[in-house]
């Protein structure tokens, strides 16, 4: 990711990328639904500016410090606590960064789940340009750090809430596989052919190892 140098540049970039993706979405005729958007703050520069914080996978200390500063400045931060897409399409163990930031600055965590986008492009270079796919976005109620919370306990609560949202997203998803060959995008416990969590974790590790070797 690239950290934009100033808000003017990031605003222009955001508008440009927004137009590009809006065009792609129209071409693919995506059916995007959002539930729970009332839980999102209505202010914060990161809501309108693509000021990405680069994350070094082996060591996230620099990104963590930048995140603290952004929160101190009153900005909103979007964090991907799984760090990568799971081959099982179920939740991976979460990194502690989001919970640590929330505790340090005493700000809420807002859990969110996107389901269906993996049918467009996902791990192992699997993609499909078939139009008309549904994409569901579910946003949960804020999780406020409580006195005595640790990073681990807050992280566990975040994962529980995200798992509940994921179950709801899958349960209410409007599309069904077109046949047995199209069950790859469903989890193993939902009549799908995606790897189970153990096999998925192994594939996740192998994928991250290959990425790391590219930058060695």
C-alpha atoms as a PDB file:
ATOM      1  CA  UNK A   1       0.000   0.000   0.000  1.00  0.00           C
ATOM      2  CA  UNK A   2       1.077   3.570  -0.621  1.00  0.00           C
ATOM      3  CA  UNK A   3       0.753   6.298   1.983  1.00  0.00           C
ATOM      4  CA  UNK A   4      -0.444   9.445   0.226  1.00  0.00           C
ATOM      5  CA  UNK A   5       1.668  12.521   0.865  1.00  0.00           C
ATOM      6  CA  UNK A   6      -1.169  14.962   1.517  1.00  0.00           C
ATOM      7  CA  UNK A   7      -4.940  15.099   1.755  1.00  0.00           C
ATOM      8  CA  UNK A   8      -5.381  16.919  -1.556  1.00  0.00           C
ATOM      9  CA  UNK A   9      -3.510  14.217  -3.433  1.00  0.00           C
ATOM     10  CA  UNK A  10      -5.299  11.455  -1.533  1.00  0.00           C
ATOM     11  CA  UNK A  11      -8.708  13.013  -2.234  1.00  0.00           C
ATOM     12  CA  UNK A  12      -7.958  13.097  -5.965  1.00  0.00           C
ATOM     13  CA  UNK A  13      -6.721   9.525  -5.849  1.00  0.00           C
ATOM     14  CA  UNK A  14      -9.794   8.432  -3.930  1.00  0.00           C
ATOM     15  CA  UNK A  15     -12.142  10.026  -6.458  1.00  0.00           C
ATOM     16  CA  UNK A  16     -10.246   8.467  -9.368  1.00  0.00           C
ATOM     17  CA  UNK A  17     -10.190   4.976  -7.835  1.00  0.00           C
ATOM     18  CA  UNK A  18     -13.836   5.359  -6.862  1.00  0.00           C
ATOM     19  CA  UNK A  19     -14.771   6.076 -10.483  1.00  0.00           C
ATOM     20  CA  UNK A  20     -12.720   3.127 -11.739  1.00  0.00           C
ATOM     21  CA  UNK A  21     -14.301   0.680  -9.339  1.00  0.00           C
ATOM     22  CA  UNK A  22     -17.783   2.106  -9.870  1.00  0.00           C
ATOM     23  CA  UNK A  23     -17.321   1.451 -13.596  1.00  0.00           C
ATOM     24  CA  UNK A  24     -16.098  -2.098 -12.949  1.00  0.00           C
ATOM     25  CA  UNK A  25     -19.037  -2.740 -10.614  1.00  0.00           C
ATOM     26  CA  UNK A  26     -21.479  -1.542 -13.267  1.00  0.00           C
ATOM     27  CA  UNK A  27     -19.893  -3.767 -15.910  1.00  0.00           C
ATOM     28  CA  UNK A  28     -20.064  -6.776 -13.575  1.00  0.00           C
ATOM     29  CA  UNK A  29     -23.587  -5.797 -12.482  1.00  0.00           C
ATOM     30  CA  UNK A  30     -22.726  -6.510  -8.863  1.00  0.00           C
ATOM     31  CA  UNK A  31     -25.648  -6.597  -6.456  1.00  0.00           C
ATOM     32  CA  UNK A  32     -24.147  -4.958  -3.365  1.00  0.00           C
ATOM     33  CA  UNK A  33     -26.150  -4.781  -0.139  1.00  0.00           C
ATOM     34  CA  UNK A  34     -25.028  -3.122   3.104  1.00  0.00           C
ATOM     35  CA  UNK A  35     -26.485  -3.801   6.547  1.00  0.00           C
ATOM     36  CA  UNK A  36     -25.555  -1.893   9.682  1.00  0.00           C
ATOM     37  CA  UNK A  37     -24.066   1.203   8.071  1.00  0.00           C
ATOM     38  CA  UNK A  38     -25.614   3.252  10.873  1.00  0.00           C
ATOM     39  CA  UNK A  39     -22.844   1.903  13.118  1.00  0.00           C
ATOM     40  CA  UNK A  40     -20.157   3.736  11.145  1.00  0.00           C
ATOM     41  CA  UNK A  41     -18.997   7.217  12.219  1.00  0.00           C
ATOM     42  CA  UNK A  42     -20.077  10.002   9.903  1.00  0.00           C
ATOM     43  CA  UNK A  43     -16.794  11.889  10.212  1.00  0.00           C
ATOM     44  CA  UNK A  44     -13.054  11.111  10.012  1.00  0.00           C
ATOM     45  CA  UNK A  45     -10.618  11.998   7.133  1.00  0.00           C
ATOM     46  CA  UNK A  46     -10.074   8.330   6.288  1.00  0.00           C
ATOM     47  CA  UNK A  47     -13.732   8.086   5.290  1.00  0.00           C
ATOM     48  CA  UNK A  48     -12.968  10.301   2.321  1.00  0.00           C
ATOM     49  CA  UNK A  49      -9.227  10.018   1.783  1.00  0.00           C
ATOM     50  CA  UNK A  50      -7.114   7.049   0.734  1.00  0.00           C
ATOM     51  CA  UNK A  51      -4.283   7.683   3.178  1.00  0.00           C
ATOM     52  CA  UNK A  52      -3.050   4.107   3.400  1.00  0.00           C
ATOM     53  CA  UNK A  53      -0.611   3.006   6.076  1.00  0.00           C
ATOM     54  CA  UNK A  54       1.918   0.510   4.658  1.00  0.00           C
ATOM     55  CA  UNK A  55       2.199  -2.661   6.751  1.00  0.00           C
ATOM     56  CA  UNK A  56       5.332  -4.775   6.979  1.00  0.00           C
ATOM     57  CA  UNK A  57       4.026  -8.317   7.600  1.00  0.00           C
ATOM     58  CA  UNK A  58       6.978  -9.531   9.718  1.00  0.00           C
ATOM     59  CA  UNK A  59       7.086  -6.370  11.811  1.00  0.00           C
ATOM     60  CA  UNK A  60       4.121  -4.025  12.132  1.00  0.00           C
ATOM     61  CA  UNK A  61       5.618  -1.602  14.686  1.00  0.00           C
ATOM     62  CA  UNK A  62       5.875   1.319  12.263  1.00  0.00           C
ATOM     63  CA  UNK A  63       2.298   0.834  11.043  1.00  0.00           C
ATOM     64  CA  UNK A  64       1.121   0.582  14.661  1.00  0.00           C
ATOM     65  CA  UNK A  65       2.742   3.908  15.569  1.00  0.00           C
ATOM     66  CA  UNK A  66       1.213   5.585  12.534  1.00  0.00           C
ATOM     67  CA  UNK A  67      -2.168   4.121  13.440  1.00  0.00           C
ATOM     68  CA  UNK A  68      -1.896   5.536  16.961  1.00  0.00           C
ATOM     69  CA  UNK A  69      -1.170   8.974  15.560  1.00  0.00           C
ATOM     70  CA  UNK A  70      -4.087   8.820  13.126  1.00  0.00           C
ATOM     71  CA  UNK A  71      -6.465   7.868  15.933  1.00  0.00           C
ATOM     72  CA  UNK A  72      -5.060  10.633  18.132  1.00  0.00           C
ATOM     73  CA  UNK A  73      -5.816  13.045  15.279  1.00  0.00           C
ATOM     74  CA  UNK A  74      -9.443  11.902  15.282  1.00  0.00           C
ATOM     75  CA  UNK A  75      -9.270   9.818  12.129  1.00  0.00           C
ATOM     76  CA  UNK A  76     -11.030   6.563  11.337  1.00  0.00           C
ATOM     77  CA  UNK A  77      -8.872   3.509  10.595  1.00  0.00           C
ATOM     78  CA  UNK A  78      -9.886   0.478   8.550  1.00  0.00           C
ATOM     79  CA  UNK A  79      -7.928  -2.583   9.649  1.00  0.00           C
ATOM     80  CA  UNK A  80      -7.871  -6.132   8.236  1.00  0.00           C
ATOM     81  CA  UNK A  81      -7.143  -8.180  11.389  1.00  0.00           C
ATOM     82  CA  UNK A  82      -6.877 -11.529   9.542  1.00  0.00           C
ATOM     83  CA  UNK A  83      -3.972 -10.084   7.506  1.00  0.00           C
ATOM     84  CA  UNK A  84      -4.845 -12.247   4.472  1.00  0.00           C
ATOM     85  CA  UNK A  85      -7.736 -14.093   2.813  1.00  0.00           C
ATOM     86  CA  UNK A  86      -8.425 -17.526   4.255  1.00  0.00           C
ATOM     87  CA  UNK A  87      -8.452 -20.475   1.861  1.00  0.00           C
ATOM     88  CA  UNK A  88     -11.280 -21.954   3.932  1.00  0.00           C
ATOM     89  CA  UNK A  89     -13.331 -18.742   3.573  1.00  0.00           C
ATOM     90  CA  UNK A  90     -13.835 -18.881   7.333  1.00  0.00           C
ATOM     91  CA  UNK A  91     -12.218 -16.579   9.887  1.00  0.00           C
ATOM     92  CA  UNK A  92      -8.516 -16.946  10.531  1.00  0.00           C
ATOM     93  CA  UNK A  93      -6.985 -16.136  13.939  1.00  0.00           C
ATOM     94  CA  UNK A  94      -6.913 -12.354  14.260  1.00  0.00           C
ATOM     95  CA  UNK A  95      -3.790 -10.274  14.719  1.00  0.00           C
ATOM     96  CA  UNK A  96      -3.741  -8.173  17.888  1.00  0.00           C
ATOM     97  CA  UNK A  97      -3.087  -4.830  16.206  1.00  0.00           C
ATOM     98  CA  UNK A  98      -6.687  -3.610  15.970  1.00  0.00           C
ATOM     99  CA  UNK A  99      -7.440  -4.491  19.602  1.00  0.00           C
ATOM    100  CA  UNK A 100      -4.168  -2.924  20.772  1.00  0.00           C
ATOM    101  CA  UNK A 101      -4.942   0.334  18.953  1.00  0.00           C
ATOM    102  CA  UNK A 102      -8.462   0.459  20.372  1.00  0.00           C
ATOM    103  CA  UNK A 103      -7.211  -0.113  23.914  1.00  0.00           C
ATOM    104  CA  UNK A 104      -4.362   2.385  23.672  1.00  0.00           C
ATOM    105  CA  UNK A 105      -6.557   5.207  22.351  1.00  0.00           C
ATOM    106  CA  UNK A 106      -9.825   4.086  23.991  1.00  0.00           C
ATOM    107  CA  UNK A 107     -11.754   4.052  20.733  1.00  0.00           C
ATOM    108  CA  UNK A 108     -14.402   1.526  19.636  1.00  0.00           C
ATOM    109  CA  UNK A 109     -13.884  -1.379  17.259  1.00  0.00           C
ATOM    110  CA  UNK A 110     -16.573  -1.738  14.593  1.00  0.00           C
ATOM    111  CA  UNK A 111     -16.670  -5.315  13.231  1.00  0.00           C
ATOM    112  CA  UNK A 112     -17.501  -5.795   9.565  1.00  0.00           C
ATOM    113  CA  UNK A 113     -17.738  -8.711   7.146  1.00  0.00           C
ATOM    114  CA  UNK A 114     -17.775  -8.806   3.336  1.00  0.00           C
ATOM    115  CA  UNK A 115     -19.154 -11.971   1.748  1.00  0.00           C
ATOM    116  CA  UNK A 116     -19.400 -12.738  -1.959  1.00  0.00           C
ATOM    117  CA  UNK A 117     -16.476 -10.657  -3.181  1.00  0.00           C
ATOM    118  CA  UNK A 118     -14.309 -13.797  -3.150  1.00  0.00           C
ATOM    119  CA  UNK A 119     -16.419 -15.092  -6.023  1.00  0.00           C
ATOM    120  CA  UNK A 120     -14.966 -12.261  -8.142  1.00  0.00           C
ATOM    121  CA  UNK A 121     -11.288 -12.539  -7.160  1.00  0.00           C
ATOM    122  CA  UNK A 122      -9.605 -14.415  -4.335  1.00  0.00           C
ATOM    123  CA  UNK A 123      -6.616 -16.542  -3.311  1.00  0.00           C
ATOM    124  CA  UNK A 124      -4.631 -18.716  -5.717  1.00  0.00           C
ATOM    125  CA  UNK A 125      -5.435 -16.335  -8.578  1.00  0.00           C
ATOM    126  CA  UNK A 126      -8.976 -17.638  -8.759  1.00  0.00           C
ATOM    127  CA  UNK A 127     -11.314 -15.130 -10.359  1.00  0.00           C
ATOM    128  CA  UNK A 128     -14.526 -14.910 -12.346  1.00  0.00           C
ATOM    129  CA  UNK A 129     -15.891 -12.069 -14.458  1.00  0.00           C
ATOM    130  CA  UNK A 130     -19.351 -13.614 -14.753  1.00  0.00           C
ATOM    131  CA  UNK A 131     -21.733 -10.674 -14.101  1.00  0.00           C
ATOM    132  CA  UNK A 132     -24.564 -10.436 -11.616  1.00  0.00           C
ATOM    133  CA  UNK A 133     -22.906 -11.697  -8.437  1.00  0.00           C
ATOM    134  CA  UNK A 134     -24.170 -10.620  -5.037  1.00  0.00           C
ATOM    135  CA  UNK A 135     -21.851  -8.998  -2.485  1.00  0.00           C
ATOM    136  CA  UNK A 136     -23.043  -8.627   1.107  1.00  0.00           C
ATOM    137  CA  UNK A 137     -21.488  -6.182   3.581  1.00  0.00           C
ATOM    138  CA  UNK A 138     -22.506  -6.533   7.226  1.00  0.00           C
ATOM    139  CA  UNK A 139     -21.428  -4.013   9.875  1.00  0.00           C
ATOM    140  CA  UNK A 140     -21.889  -4.774  13.561  1.00  0.00           C
ATOM    141  CA  UNK A 141     -22.367  -2.634  16.629  1.00  0.00           C
ATOM    142  CA  UNK A 142     -19.274  -0.923  18.057  1.00  0.00           C
ATOM    143  CA  UNK A 143     -17.239  -2.768  20.667  1.00  0.00           C
ATOM    144  CA  UNK A 144     -16.100  -0.335  23.353  1.00  0.00           C
ATOM    145  CA  UNK A 145     -13.008  -1.217  25.402  1.00  0.00           C
ATOM    146  CA  UNK A 146     -13.966  -1.792  29.031  1.00  0.00           C
ATOM    147  CA  UNK A 147     -11.856  -1.290  32.166  1.00  0.00           C
ATOM    148  CA  UNK A 148      -9.677  -4.322  32.688  1.00  0.00           C
ATOM    149  CA  UNK A 149      -9.804  -5.443  29.046  1.00  0.00           C
ATOM    150  CA  UNK A 150      -6.618  -6.878  27.617  1.00  0.00           C
ATOM    151  CA  UNK A 151      -5.586  -7.012  23.984  1.00  0.00           C
ATOM    152  CA  UNK A 152      -6.366 -10.714  24.018  1.00  0.00           C
ATOM    153  CA  UNK A 153      -9.851 -10.413  25.521  1.00  0.00           C
ATOM    154  CA  UNK A 154     -10.833  -7.544  23.229  1.00  0.00           C
ATOM    155  CA  UNK A 155      -9.453  -9.424  20.247  1.00  0.00           C
ATOM    156  CA  UNK A 156     -11.476 -12.503  21.219  1.00  0.00           C
ATOM    157  CA  UNK A 157     -14.643 -10.396  21.440  1.00  0.00           C
ATOM    158  CA  UNK A 158     -13.916  -8.897  18.023  1.00  0.00           C
ATOM    159  CA  UNK A 159     -13.491 -12.358  16.496  1.00  0.00           C
ATOM    160  CA  UNK A 160     -16.726 -13.594  18.099  1.00  0.00           C
ATOM    161  CA  UNK A 161     -18.657 -10.651  16.672  1.00  0.00           C
ATOM    162  CA  UNK A 162     -17.077 -11.104  13.238  1.00  0.00           C
ATOM    163  CA  UNK A 163     -17.920 -14.820  13.275  1.00  0.00           C
ATOM    164  CA  UNK A 164     -21.554 -13.995  14.049  1.00  0.00           C
ATOM    165  CA  UNK A 165     -21.654 -11.514  11.175  1.00  0.00           C
ATOM    166  CA  UNK A 166     -20.064 -14.050   8.828  1.00  0.00           C
ATOM    167  CA  UNK A 167     -22.646 -16.694   9.758  1.00  0.00           C
ATOM    168  CA  UNK A 168     -25.419 -14.185   9.123  1.00  0.00           C
ATOM    169  CA  UNK A 169     -23.894 -13.133   5.799  1.00  0.00           C
ATOM    170  CA  UNK A 170     -23.699 -16.735   4.587  1.00  0.00           C
ATOM    171  CA  UNK A 171     -27.175 -17.612   5.893  1.00  0.00           C
ATOM    172  CA  UNK A 172     -28.820 -14.660   4.128  1.00  0.00           C
ATOM    173  CA  UNK A 173     -26.708 -14.702   0.952  1.00  0.00           C
ATOM    174  CA  UNK A 174     -29.114 -14.660  -2.011  1.00  0.00           C
ATOM    175  CA  UNK A 175     -27.053 -16.720  -4.497  1.00  0.00           C
ATOM    176  CA  UNK A 176     -26.626 -20.485  -4.639  1.00  0.00           C
ATOM    177  CA  UNK A 177     -24.030 -22.616  -6.478  1.00  0.00           C
ATOM    178  CA  UNK A 178     -24.923 -23.367 -10.073  1.00  0.00           C
ATOM    179  CA  UNK A 179     -23.768 -26.953  -9.636  1.00  0.00           C
ATOM    180  CA  UNK A 180     -21.204 -29.156  -7.913  1.00  0.00           C
ATOM    181  CA  UNK A 181     -18.283 -27.463  -9.669  1.00  0.00           C
ATOM    182  CA  UNK A 182     -19.490 -24.109  -8.356  1.00  0.00           C
ATOM    183  CA  UNK A 183     -19.367 -25.095  -4.674  1.00  0.00           C
ATOM    184  CA  UNK A 184     -15.743 -23.988  -4.288  1.00  0.00           C
ATOM    185  CA  UNK A 185     -16.747 -20.648  -2.742  1.00  0.00           C
ATOM    186  CA  UNK A 186     -18.761 -22.176   0.107  1.00  0.00           C
ATOM    187  CA  UNK A 187     -17.126 -23.317   3.387  1.00  0.00           C
ATOM    188  CA  UNK A 188     -16.758 -27.041   4.029  1.00  0.00           C
ATOM    189  CA  UNK A 189     -19.545 -26.997   6.643  1.00  0.00           C
ATOM    190  CA  UNK A 190     -21.979 -25.253   4.288  1.00  0.00           C
ATOM    191  CA  UNK A 191     -22.030 -27.971   1.599  1.00  0.00           C
ATOM    192  CA  UNK A 192     -19.063 -26.312  -0.079  1.00  0.00           C
ATOM    193  CA  UNK A 193     -15.782 -27.721  -1.331  1.00  0.00           C
ATOM    194  CA  UNK A 194     -13.491 -25.095   0.221  1.00  0.00           C
ATOM    195  CA  UNK A 195     -10.765 -26.614   2.458  1.00  0.00           C
ATOM    196  CA  UNK A 196     -11.575 -27.177   6.117  1.00  0.00           C
ATOM    197  CA  UNK A 197      -9.890 -24.756   8.573  1.00  0.00           C
ATOM    198  CA  UNK A 198      -6.891 -27.029   9.205  1.00  0.00           C
ATOM    199  CA  UNK A 199      -6.159 -27.578   5.517  1.00  0.00           C
ATOM    200  CA  UNK A 200      -6.958 -23.930   4.833  1.00  0.00           C
ATOM    201  CA  UNK A 201      -4.459 -22.761   7.462  1.00  0.00           C
ATOM    202  CA  UNK A 202      -1.751 -24.864   5.828  1.00  0.00           C
ATOM    203  CA  UNK A 203      -2.530 -23.347   2.430  1.00  0.00           C
ATOM    204  CA  UNK A 204      -2.596 -19.863   3.978  1.00  0.00           C
ATOM    205  CA  UNK A 205       0.866 -20.434   5.460  1.00  0.00           C
ATOM    206  CA  UNK A 206       2.239 -21.721   2.166  1.00  0.00           C
ATOM    207  CA  UNK A 207       0.822 -18.702   0.345  1.00  0.00           C
ATOM    208  CA  UNK A 208       2.323 -16.216   2.806  1.00  0.00           C
ATOM    209  CA  UNK A 209       5.658 -18.024   2.580  1.00  0.00           C
ATOM    210  CA  UNK A 210       5.661 -17.648  -1.205  1.00  0.00           C
ATOM    211  CA  UNK A 211       4.891 -13.940  -0.878  1.00  0.00           C
ATOM    212  CA  UNK A 212       7.706 -13.524   1.646  1.00  0.00           C
ATOM    213  CA  UNK A 213      10.175 -15.250  -0.669  1.00  0.00           C
ATOM    214  CA  UNK A 214       9.315 -12.785  -3.424  1.00  0.00           C
ATOM    215  CA  UNK A 215      10.539  -9.898  -1.249  1.00  0.00           C
ATOM    216  CA  UNK A 216      13.613 -11.603   0.221  1.00  0.00           C
END
